[in-house]
Amino acid sequence: MSTTESSPPVDTHDWEKVRSSAEFQDLRHRLRSFVFPLTGVFLAWYLTYVLLASYAPSFMATKVVGNINVGLVFGLLQFVSTFAITAWYVRYAERRLDPLAGKIRDEIQGGSA
């Protein structure tokens, strides 16, 4: 039984050149300037919720309407904020990230990178 070894495809792109290009650096900056601050804000919001639940149970048990208390409202707002951040990111990516990423991809596929 003979086995033929196929050589891996030759990578004709200079990925270091792509990575160091101004467009790619701009793309990374745009992504990081959105993701990192928003991640920090969300984690702070979540940590606040956890700390309030742990150290201020009487506040979290405060009735708002009927049997609905502050803790339940804050818990549901965690879901709302997650969906809002996701929608915000999708919109941001469509406007600020995807066009630049598409341009970089077209340059790479076109061989001009």
N, C-alpha and C. Protein backbone atom coordinates (compact mmCIF):
# COMPACT_ATOMS: atom_id res chain seq x y z
N MET A 1 0.84 -1.16 0.00
CA MET A 1 0.00 0.00 0.00
C MET A 1 0.89 1.23 0.00
N SER A 2 0.72 2.05 -0.97
CA SER A 2 1.57 3.24 -1.06
C SER A 2 0.78 4.46 -0.60
N THR A 3 1.48 5.32 0.07
CA THR A 3 0.86 6.57 0.51
C THR A 3 1.57 7.71 -0.19
N THR A 4 0.79 8.59 -0.66
CA THR A 4 1.37 9.78 -1.29
C THR A 4 1.17 10.94 -0.35
N GLU A 5 2.25 11.60 -0.12
CA GLU A 5 2.17 12.77 0.77
C GLU A 5 1.89 13.99 -0.08
N SER A 6 0.85 14.67 0.30
CA SER A 6 0.57 15.91 -0.41
C SER A 6 1.16 17.05 0.41
N SER A 7 1.81 17.91 -0.28
CA SER A 7 2.42 19.04 0.42
C SER A 7 1.33 20.05 0.78
N PRO A 8 1.50 20.72 1.91
CA PRO A 8 0.49 21.70 2.29
C PRO A 8 0.46 22.84 1.29
N PRO A 9 -0.66 23.48 1.15
CA PRO A 9 -0.75 24.58 0.19
C PRO A 9 0.27 25.67 0.53
N VAL A 10 0.83 26.23 -0.49
CA VAL A 10 1.83 27.28 -0.29
C VAL A 10 1.11 28.57 0.09
N ASP A 11 1.54 29.14 1.19
CA ASP A 11 0.95 30.40 1.63
C ASP A 11 1.68 31.53 0.93
N THR A 12 1.00 32.15 -0.01
CA THR A 12 1.65 33.18 -0.81
C THR A 12 1.50 34.57 -0.22
N HIS A 13 0.81 34.68 0.89
CA HIS A 13 0.60 35.99 1.50
C HIS A 13 1.62 36.24 2.60
N ASP A 14 2.04 37.46 2.68
CA ASP A 14 2.93 37.87 3.76
C ASP A 14 2.04 38.36 4.89
N TRP A 15 1.72 37.45 5.82
CA TRP A 15 0.77 37.78 6.87
C TRP A 15 1.31 38.83 7.84
N GLU A 16 2.61 38.86 8.01
CA GLU A 16 3.20 39.92 8.85
C GLU A 16 2.97 41.29 8.22
N LYS A 17 3.06 41.35 6.91
CA LYS A 17 2.81 42.61 6.20
C LYS A 17 1.34 43.00 6.34
N VAL A 18 0.45 42.03 6.22
CA VAL A 18 -0.99 42.30 6.38
C VAL A 18 -1.26 42.79 7.79
N ARG A 19 -0.70 42.07 8.77
CA ARG A 19 -0.93 42.42 10.17
C ARG A 19 -0.39 43.80 10.53
N SER A 20 0.68 44.21 9.91
CA SER A 20 1.27 45.50 10.23
C SER A 20 0.74 46.63 9.36
N SER A 21 -0.16 46.33 8.44
CA SER A 21 -0.69 47.37 7.56
C SER A 21 -1.56 48.35 8.35
N ALA A 22 -1.66 49.55 7.84
CA ALA A 22 -2.44 50.60 8.50
C ALA A 22 -3.92 50.21 8.60
N GLU A 23 -4.44 49.58 7.56
CA GLU A 23 -5.85 49.19 7.57
C GLU A 23 -6.14 48.16 8.66
N PHE A 24 -5.25 47.17 8.78
CA PHE A 24 -5.46 46.14 9.79
C PHE A 24 -5.32 46.72 11.19
N GLN A 25 -4.36 47.59 11.38
CA GLN A 25 -4.19 48.24 12.68
C GLN A 25 -5.41 49.08 13.02
N ASP A 26 -5.97 49.76 12.03
CA ASP A 26 -7.19 50.54 12.25
C ASP A 26 -8.35 49.63 12.62
N LEU A 27 -8.45 48.49 11.95
CA LEU A 27 -9.51 47.52 12.26
C LEU A 27 -9.39 47.02 13.69
N ARG A 28 -8.18 46.66 14.09
CA ARG A 28 -7.94 46.21 15.47
C ARG A 28 -8.28 47.30 16.47
N HIS A 29 -7.90 48.53 16.16
CA HIS A 29 -8.20 49.65 17.06
C HIS A 29 -9.71 49.86 17.20
N ARG A 30 -10.41 49.82 16.07
CA ARG A 30 -11.87 49.99 16.12
C ARG A 30 -12.53 48.89 16.95
N LEU A 31 -12.10 47.66 16.74
CA LEU A 31 -12.68 46.54 17.48
C LEU A 31 -12.40 46.69 18.98
N ARG A 32 -11.15 46.91 19.32
CA ARG A 32 -10.78 47.00 20.72
C ARG A 32 -11.38 48.21 21.41
N SER A 33 -11.51 49.33 20.69
CA SER A 33 -12.08 50.53 21.33
C SER A 33 -13.56 50.36 21.62
N PHE A 34 -14.20 49.41 20.97
CA PHE A 34 -15.61 49.13 21.27
C PHE A 34 -15.73 48.00 22.30
N VAL A 35 -15.04 46.91 22.07
CA VAL A 35 -15.21 45.70 22.87
C VAL A 35 -14.69 45.86 24.30
N PHE A 36 -13.49 46.36 24.46
CA PHE A 36 -12.91 46.42 25.81
C PHE A 36 -13.69 47.32 26.76
N PRO A 37 -14.00 48.57 26.39
CA PRO A 37 -14.78 49.40 27.33
C PRO A 37 -16.15 48.81 27.63
N LEU A 38 -16.83 48.31 26.61
CA LEU A 38 -18.17 47.78 26.84
C LEU A 38 -18.13 46.52 27.69
N THR A 39 -17.11 45.71 27.53
CA THR A 39 -16.94 44.54 28.38
C THR A 39 -16.73 44.97 29.83
N GLY A 40 -15.91 45.98 30.03
CA GLY A 40 -15.68 46.50 31.37
C GLY A 40 -16.95 47.03 32.01
N VAL A 41 -17.73 47.77 31.24
CA VAL A 41 -18.99 48.32 31.75
C VAL A 41 -19.95 47.19 32.11
N PHE A 42 -20.06 46.20 31.24
CA PHE A 42 -20.97 45.10 31.53
C PHE A 42 -20.52 44.31 32.75
N LEU A 43 -19.23 44.03 32.85
CA LEU A 43 -18.74 43.28 34.02
C LEU A 43 -18.95 44.07 35.31
N ALA A 44 -18.77 45.38 35.25
CA ALA A 44 -19.02 46.21 36.44
C ALA A 44 -20.50 46.16 36.81
N TRP A 45 -21.37 46.22 35.81
CA TRP A 45 -22.82 46.14 36.04
C TRP A 45 -23.17 44.79 36.66
N TYR A 46 -22.61 43.71 36.14
CA TYR A 46 -22.88 42.38 36.67
C TYR A 46 -22.33 42.24 38.08
N LEU A 47 -21.11 42.72 38.31
CA LEU A 47 -20.51 42.66 39.64
C LEU A 47 -21.35 43.45 40.65
N THR A 48 -21.86 44.59 40.23
CA THR A 48 -22.74 45.38 41.11
C THR A 48 -23.96 44.57 41.50
N TYR A 49 -24.55 43.89 40.53
CA TYR A 49 -25.71 43.04 40.80
C TYR A 49 -25.37 41.95 41.80
N VAL A 50 -24.25 41.28 41.59
CA VAL A 50 -23.85 40.20 42.49
C VAL A 50 -23.55 40.73 43.89
N LEU A 51 -22.84 41.85 43.97
CA LEU A 51 -22.50 42.43 45.27
C LEU A 51 -23.75 42.90 46.01
N LEU A 52 -24.68 43.51 45.30
CA LEU A 52 -25.93 43.93 45.94
C LEU A 52 -26.71 42.72 46.44
N ALA A 53 -26.73 41.66 45.65
CA ALA A 53 -27.44 40.45 46.08
C ALA A 53 -26.78 39.84 47.30
N SER A 54 -25.46 39.95 47.39
CA SER A 54 -24.73 39.35 48.51
C SER A 54 -24.75 40.22 49.77
N TYR A 55 -24.53 41.52 49.59
CA TYR A 55 -24.33 42.40 50.74
C TYR A 55 -25.48 43.34 51.04
N ALA A 56 -26.46 43.41 50.18
CA ALA A 56 -27.62 44.27 50.43
C ALA A 56 -28.91 43.52 50.13
N PRO A 57 -29.11 42.37 50.77
CA PRO A 57 -30.30 41.57 50.44
C PRO A 57 -31.60 42.30 50.78
N SER A 58 -31.59 43.15 51.80
CA SER A 58 -32.82 43.86 52.13
C SER A 58 -33.17 44.87 51.02
N PHE A 59 -32.16 45.49 50.42
CA PHE A 59 -32.42 46.39 49.30
C PHE A 59 -32.95 45.61 48.11
N MET A 60 -32.33 44.48 47.81
CA MET A 60 -32.75 43.67 46.66
C MET A 60 -34.15 43.08 46.88
N ALA A 61 -34.55 42.92 48.16
CA ALA A 61 -35.88 42.37 48.46
C ALA A 61 -36.96 43.44 48.48
N THR A 62 -36.59 44.69 48.28
CA THR A 62 -37.57 45.78 48.28
C THR A 62 -38.59 45.56 47.17
N LYS A 63 -39.85 45.57 47.56
CA LYS A 63 -40.93 45.35 46.59
C LYS A 63 -41.07 46.57 45.68
N VAL A 64 -41.24 46.28 44.40
CA VAL A 64 -41.46 47.36 43.42
C VAL A 64 -42.94 47.41 43.08
N VAL A 65 -43.48 46.30 42.62
CA VAL A 65 -44.89 46.16 42.29
C VAL A 65 -45.30 44.74 42.63
N GLY A 66 -46.27 44.58 43.48
CA GLY A 66 -46.72 43.24 43.84
C GLY A 66 -45.59 42.42 44.43
N ASN A 67 -45.36 41.22 43.86
CA ASN A 67 -44.28 40.36 44.32
C ASN A 67 -42.97 40.58 43.56
N ILE A 68 -42.93 41.59 42.73
CA ILE A 68 -41.72 41.89 41.96
C ILE A 68 -40.84 42.80 42.81
N ASN A 69 -39.60 42.34 43.03
CA ASN A 69 -38.69 43.13 43.86
C ASN A 69 -37.52 43.67 43.03
N VAL A 70 -36.70 44.48 43.67
CA VAL A 70 -35.57 45.11 43.00
C VAL A 70 -34.61 44.06 42.44
N GLY A 71 -34.36 42.99 43.18
CA GLY A 71 -33.46 41.94 42.71
C GLY A 71 -33.95 41.30 41.42
N LEU A 72 -35.24 41.05 41.33
CA LEU A 72 -35.80 40.47 40.11
C LEU A 72 -35.67 41.44 38.93
N VAL A 73 -35.95 42.70 39.19
CA VAL A 73 -35.83 43.71 38.13
C VAL A 73 -34.38 43.80 37.65
N PHE A 74 -33.43 43.87 38.60
CA PHE A 74 -32.02 43.92 38.21
C PHE A 74 -31.60 42.66 37.47
N GLY A 75 -32.08 41.52 37.90
CA GLY A 75 -31.76 40.27 37.22
C GLY A 75 -32.27 40.25 35.79
N LEU A 76 -33.50 40.72 35.59
CA LEU A 76 -34.05 40.78 34.24
C LEU A 76 -33.31 41.82 33.39
N LEU A 77 -32.88 42.90 34.03
CA LEU A 77 -32.12 43.91 33.29
C LEU A 77 -30.77 43.38 32.82
N GLN A 78 -30.24 42.35 33.48
CA GLN A 78 -29.02 41.71 33.00
C GLN A 78 -29.25 41.13 31.60
N PHE A 79 -30.39 40.47 31.43
CA PHE A 79 -30.72 39.92 30.11
C PHE A 79 -30.94 41.03 29.09
N VAL A 80 -31.68 42.05 29.50
CA VAL A 80 -31.96 43.17 28.60
C VAL A 80 -30.66 43.83 28.16
N SER A 81 -29.75 44.05 29.10
CA SER A 81 -28.49 44.70 28.75
C SER A 81 -27.65 43.81 27.84
N THR A 82 -27.69 42.52 28.04
CA THR A 82 -26.94 41.60 27.17
C THR A 82 -27.45 41.68 25.74
N PHE A 83 -28.76 41.65 25.56
CA PHE A 83 -29.32 41.75 24.22
C PHE A 83 -29.06 43.12 23.61
N ALA A 84 -29.13 44.17 24.42
CA ALA A 84 -28.87 45.53 23.92
C ALA A 84 -27.42 45.67 23.46
N ILE A 85 -26.49 45.14 24.24
CA ILE A 85 -25.08 45.20 23.87
C ILE A 85 -24.84 44.41 22.58
N THR A 86 -25.47 43.26 22.46
CA THR A 86 -25.32 42.45 21.25
C THR A 86 -25.84 43.21 20.03
N ALA A 87 -27.01 43.80 20.16
CA ALA A 87 -27.57 44.57 19.04
C ALA A 87 -26.68 45.76 18.70
N TRP A 88 -26.16 46.42 19.71
CA TRP A 88 -25.27 47.56 19.51
C TRP A 88 -24.01 47.13 18.78
N TYR A 89 -23.43 45.99 19.21
CA TYR A 89 -22.22 45.49 18.56
C TYR A 89 -22.49 45.13 17.10
N VAL A 90 -23.59 44.47 16.83
CA VAL A 90 -23.91 44.08 15.45
C VAL A 90 -24.01 45.32 14.58
N ARG A 91 -24.68 46.34 15.08
CA ARG A 91 -24.81 47.58 14.31
C ARG A 91 -23.45 48.25 14.12
N TYR A 92 -22.65 48.28 15.18
CA TYR A 92 -21.31 48.86 15.11
C TYR A 92 -20.45 48.11 14.10
N ALA A 93 -20.49 46.78 14.17
CA ALA A 93 -19.68 45.97 13.26
C ALA A 93 -20.10 46.18 11.81
N GLU A 94 -21.39 46.26 11.56
CA GLU A 94 -21.86 46.47 10.19
C GLU A 94 -21.40 47.81 9.64
N ARG A 95 -21.35 48.83 10.49
CA ARG A 95 -20.98 50.16 10.02
C ARG A 95 -19.47 50.41 10.02
N ARG A 96 -18.75 49.93 11.05
CA ARG A 96 -17.37 50.34 11.25
C ARG A 96 -16.34 49.22 11.04
N LEU A 97 -16.73 47.98 11.23
CA LEU A 97 -15.75 46.89 11.13
C LEU A 97 -15.85 46.14 9.81
N ASP A 98 -17.04 45.74 9.44
CA ASP A 98 -17.22 44.90 8.24
C ASP A 98 -16.71 45.55 6.96
N PRO A 99 -16.98 46.85 6.72
CA PRO A 99 -16.45 47.43 5.48
C PRO A 99 -14.92 47.39 5.40
N LEU A 100 -14.26 47.69 6.51
CA LEU A 100 -12.80 47.67 6.52
C LEU A 100 -12.28 46.24 6.42
N ALA A 101 -12.91 45.30 7.12
CA ALA A 101 -12.50 43.90 7.03
C ALA A 101 -12.70 43.38 5.60
N GLY A 102 -13.78 43.78 4.96
CA GLY A 102 -14.02 43.38 3.57
C GLY A 102 -12.96 43.93 2.64
N LYS A 103 -12.55 45.16 2.89
CA LYS A 103 -11.51 45.78 2.05
C LYS A 103 -10.19 45.02 2.22
N ILE A 104 -9.85 44.69 3.46
CA ILE A 104 -8.61 43.94 3.73
C ILE A 104 -8.69 42.57 3.07
N ARG A 105 -9.82 41.89 3.22
CA ARG A 105 -9.99 40.57 2.62
C ARG A 105 -9.86 40.64 1.10
N ASP A 106 -10.49 41.67 0.48
CA ASP A 106 -10.40 41.81 -0.97
C ASP A 106 -8.96 42.06 -1.41
N GLU A 107 -8.21 42.84 -0.64
CA GLU A 107 -6.81 43.09 -0.98
C GLU A 107 -6.00 41.80 -0.89
N ILE A 108 -6.27 40.99 0.14
CA ILE A 108 -5.54 39.73 0.30
C ILE A 108 -5.89 38.76 -0.83
N GLN A 109 -7.18 38.63 -1.11
CA GLN A 109 -7.60 37.71 -2.15
C GLN A 109 -7.20 38.19 -3.53
N GLY A 110 -7.10 39.51 -3.68
CA GLY A 110 -6.69 40.07 -4.97
C GLY A 110 -5.20 40.03 -5.17
N GLY A 111 -4.47 39.72 -4.10
CA GLY A 111 -3.03 39.59 -4.23
C GLY A 111 -2.26 40.88 -4.08
N SER A 112 -2.95 41.96 -3.66
CA SER A 112 -2.23 43.23 -3.54
C SER A 112 -1.72 43.49 -2.14
N ALA A 113 -1.89 42.51 -1.21
CA ALA A 113 -1.43 42.73 0.16
C ALA A 113 0.01 42.32 0.32
